[in-house]
Amino acid sequence: MAIGDLVPWRSSRTFGEPLTTSDGVTVVPVTRTIHGSDDGDALGVFVIRGDEVVWSPVVDADRVALIGVVTGLVAATLGCIAVVRRPPWPDLRRQ
């Protein structure tokens, strides 16, 4: 029994067809599919040069940008709360 018989989706959807370049380098794309659907998210590629195999992940620029924006908003909110609770300027009220 092969592994392909145990999973409900074809393995070619998860691991793409190997591509060989003119340099002799083989590239195998890897995607993540959900319940055997045709659409999926690219995860990266395996690059095979001779006996060496290297995994190159795909960087999702939108996710990195979202993390940066959310971090900035949280920092700005905490800074505003700190200034409202105890302002950095001197207290000029009469005692």
C-alpha atoms as a PDB file:
ATOM      1  CA  MET A   1       0.000   0.000   0.000  1.00  0.00           C
ATOM      2  CA  ALA A   2       1.444   3.365  -1.048  1.00  0.00           C
ATOM      3  CA  ILE A   3       1.140   6.616   0.884  1.00  0.00           C
ATOM      4  CA  GLY A   4      -0.984   8.012  -1.937  1.00  0.00           C
ATOM      5  CA  ASP A   5      -3.609   5.378  -1.139  1.00  0.00           C
ATOM      6  CA  LEU A   6      -3.853   6.533   2.488  1.00  0.00           C
ATOM      7  CA  VAL A   7      -4.526  10.233   1.850  1.00  0.00           C
ATOM      8  CA  PRO A   8      -7.746  11.479   0.227  1.00  0.00           C
ATOM      9  CA  TRP A   9      -5.954  13.849  -2.191  1.00  0.00           C
ATOM     10  CA  ARG A  10      -3.365  13.242  -4.868  1.00  0.00           C
ATOM     11  CA  SER A  11       0.226  13.819  -3.821  1.00  0.00           C
ATOM     12  CA  SER A  12       0.909  15.860  -6.974  1.00  0.00           C
ATOM     13  CA  ARG A  13      -1.322  18.575  -5.568  1.00  0.00           C
ATOM     14  CA  THR A  14       0.854  18.828  -2.474  1.00  0.00           C
ATOM     15  CA  PHE A  15       4.190  18.246  -4.182  1.00  0.00           C
ATOM     16  CA  GLY A  16       4.249  19.644  -7.721  1.00  0.00           C
ATOM     17  CA  GLU A  17       5.921  18.119 -10.717  1.00  0.00           C
ATOM     18  CA  PRO A  18       9.734  18.253 -10.442  1.00  0.00           C
ATOM     19  CA  LEU A  19      11.292  20.789 -12.796  1.00  0.00           C
ATOM     20  CA  THR A  20      14.877  20.385 -14.002  1.00  0.00           C
ATOM     21  CA  THR A  21      16.846  23.439 -15.107  1.00  0.00           C
ATOM     22  CA  SER A  22      19.629  23.511 -17.686  1.00  0.00           C
ATOM     23  CA  ASP A  23      22.168  23.515 -14.801  1.00  0.00           C
ATOM     24  CA  GLY A  24      20.935  20.124 -13.624  1.00  0.00           C
ATOM     25  CA  VAL A  25      19.157  21.607 -10.592  1.00  0.00           C
ATOM     26  CA  THR A  26      15.811  20.020  -9.757  1.00  0.00           C
ATOM     27  CA  VAL A  27      13.086  22.189  -8.213  1.00  0.00           C
ATOM     28  CA  VAL A  28      10.034  20.639  -6.527  1.00  0.00           C
ATOM     29  CA  PRO A  29       7.245  23.109  -5.615  1.00  0.00           C
ATOM     30  CA  VAL A  30       5.261  22.454  -2.441  1.00  0.00           C
ATOM     31  CA  THR A  31       1.731  23.732  -1.773  1.00  0.00           C
ATOM     32  CA  ARG A  32      -0.796  23.283   1.001  1.00  0.00           C
ATOM     33  CA  THR A  33      -4.202  22.096  -0.129  1.00  0.00           C
ATOM     34  CA  ILE A  34      -7.335  21.957   1.968  1.00  0.00           C
ATOM     35  CA  HIS A  35      -9.395  18.759   1.702  1.00  0.00           C
ATOM     36  CA  GLY A  36      -8.135  17.967  -1.766  1.00  0.00           C
ATOM     37  CA  SER A  37      -9.279  21.189  -3.431  1.00  0.00           C
ATOM     38  CA  ASP A  38      -7.459  22.516  -6.479  1.00  0.00           C
ATOM     39  CA  ASP A  39      -6.535  25.859  -4.933  1.00  0.00           C
ATOM     40  CA  GLY A  40      -3.874  26.063  -2.263  1.00  0.00           C
ATOM     41  CA  ASP A  41      -1.204  28.198  -0.667  1.00  0.00           C
ATOM     42  CA  ALA A  42       2.383  28.032  -1.866  1.00  0.00           C
ATOM     43  CA  LEU A  43       4.692  26.925   0.937  1.00  0.00           C
ATOM     44  CA  GLY A  44       8.039  26.863  -0.842  1.00  0.00           C
ATOM     45  CA  VAL A  45      10.297  24.736  -2.997  1.00  0.00           C
ATOM     46  CA  PHE A  46      12.832  21.982  -2.530  1.00  0.00           C
ATOM     47  CA  VAL A  47      15.992  22.756  -4.524  1.00  0.00           C
ATOM     48  CA  ILE A  48      18.056  19.641  -5.288  1.00  0.00           C
ATOM     49  CA  ARG A  49      21.665  20.084  -6.468  1.00  0.00           C
ATOM     50  CA  GLY A  50      23.468  16.766  -6.685  1.00  0.00           C
ATOM     51  CA  ASP A  51      23.332  15.283  -3.167  1.00  0.00           C
ATOM     52  CA  GLU A  52      22.351  18.564  -1.476  1.00  0.00           C
ATOM     53  CA  VAL A  53      18.685  19.377  -0.780  1.00  0.00           C
ATOM     54  CA  VAL A  54      17.717  22.897   0.325  1.00  0.00           C
ATOM     55  CA  TRP A  55      14.264  24.047   1.473  1.00  0.00           C
ATOM     56  CA  SER A  56      13.356  27.589   0.356  1.00  0.00           C
ATOM     57  CA  PRO A  57      10.164  28.835   2.036  1.00  0.00           C
ATOM     58  CA  VAL A  58       7.851  31.385   0.443  1.00  0.00           C
ATOM     59  CA  VAL A  59       7.653  34.651   2.386  1.00  0.00           C
ATOM     60  CA  ASP A  60       4.144  36.122   2.486  1.00  0.00           C
ATOM     61  CA  ALA A  61       4.766  39.885   2.232  1.00  0.00           C
ATOM     62  CA  ASP A  62       1.160  40.705   3.126  1.00  0.00           C
ATOM     63  CA  ARG A  63       1.421  38.831   6.412  1.00  0.00           C
ATOM     64  CA  VAL A  64       4.731  40.512   7.275  1.00  0.00           C
ATOM     65  CA  ALA A  65       3.224  43.943   6.513  1.00  0.00           C
ATOM     66  CA  LEU A  66       0.136  43.178   8.604  1.00  0.00           C
ATOM     67  CA  ILE A  67       2.282  42.185  11.583  1.00  0.00           C
ATOM     68  CA  GLY A  68       4.206  45.471  11.250  1.00  0.00           C
ATOM     69  CA  VAL A  69       1.032  47.567  11.079  1.00  0.00           C
ATOM     70  CA  VAL A  70      -0.572  45.822  14.057  1.00  0.00           C
ATOM     71  CA  THR A  71       2.625  46.206  16.105  1.00  0.00           C
ATOM     72  CA  GLY A  72       2.723  49.928  15.299  1.00  0.00           C
ATOM     73  CA  LEU A  73      -0.941  50.405  16.226  1.00  0.00           C
ATOM     74  CA  VAL A  74      -0.497  48.597  19.537  1.00  0.00           C
ATOM     75  CA  ALA A  75       2.594  50.679  20.360  1.00  0.00           C
ATOM     76  CA  ALA A  76       0.794  53.930  19.475  1.00  0.00           C
ATOM     77  CA  THR A  77      -2.246  52.960  21.560  1.00  0.00           C
ATOM     78  CA  LEU A  78      -0.141  52.075  24.597  1.00  0.00           C
ATOM     79  CA  GLY A  79       1.816  55.323  24.209  1.00  0.00           C
ATOM     80  CA  CYS A  80      -1.391  57.386  24.054  1.00  0.00           C
ATOM     81  CA  ILE A  81      -2.794  55.642  27.119  1.00  0.00           C
ATOM     82  CA  ALA A  82       0.418  56.309  29.044  1.00  0.00           C
ATOM     83  CA  VAL A  83       0.380  60.019  28.123  1.00  0.00           C
ATOM     84  CA  VAL A  84      -3.305  60.446  29.002  1.00  0.00           C
ATOM     85  CA  ARG A  85      -2.906  58.769  32.383  1.00  0.00           C
ATOM     86  CA  ARG A  86       0.247  60.690  33.378  1.00  0.00           C
ATOM     87  CA  PRO A  87       1.256  63.507  31.012  1.00  0.00           C
ATOM     88  CA  PRO A  88       4.987  64.173  30.614  1.00  0.00           C
ATOM     89  CA  TRP A  89       4.576  67.949  31.056  1.00  0.00           C
ATOM     90  CA  PRO A  90       4.600  69.586  34.536  1.00  0.00           C
ATOM     91  CA  ASP A  91       1.442  69.920  36.587  1.00  0.00           C
ATOM     92  CA  LEU A  92       0.580  73.669  36.736  1.00  0.00           C
ATOM     93  CA  ARG A  93      -2.547  73.432  38.878  1.00  0.00           C
ATOM     94  CA  ARG A  94      -2.696  75.478  42.086  1.00  0.00           C
ATOM     95  CA  GLN A  95      -2.481  73.438  45.202  1.00  0.00           C
END
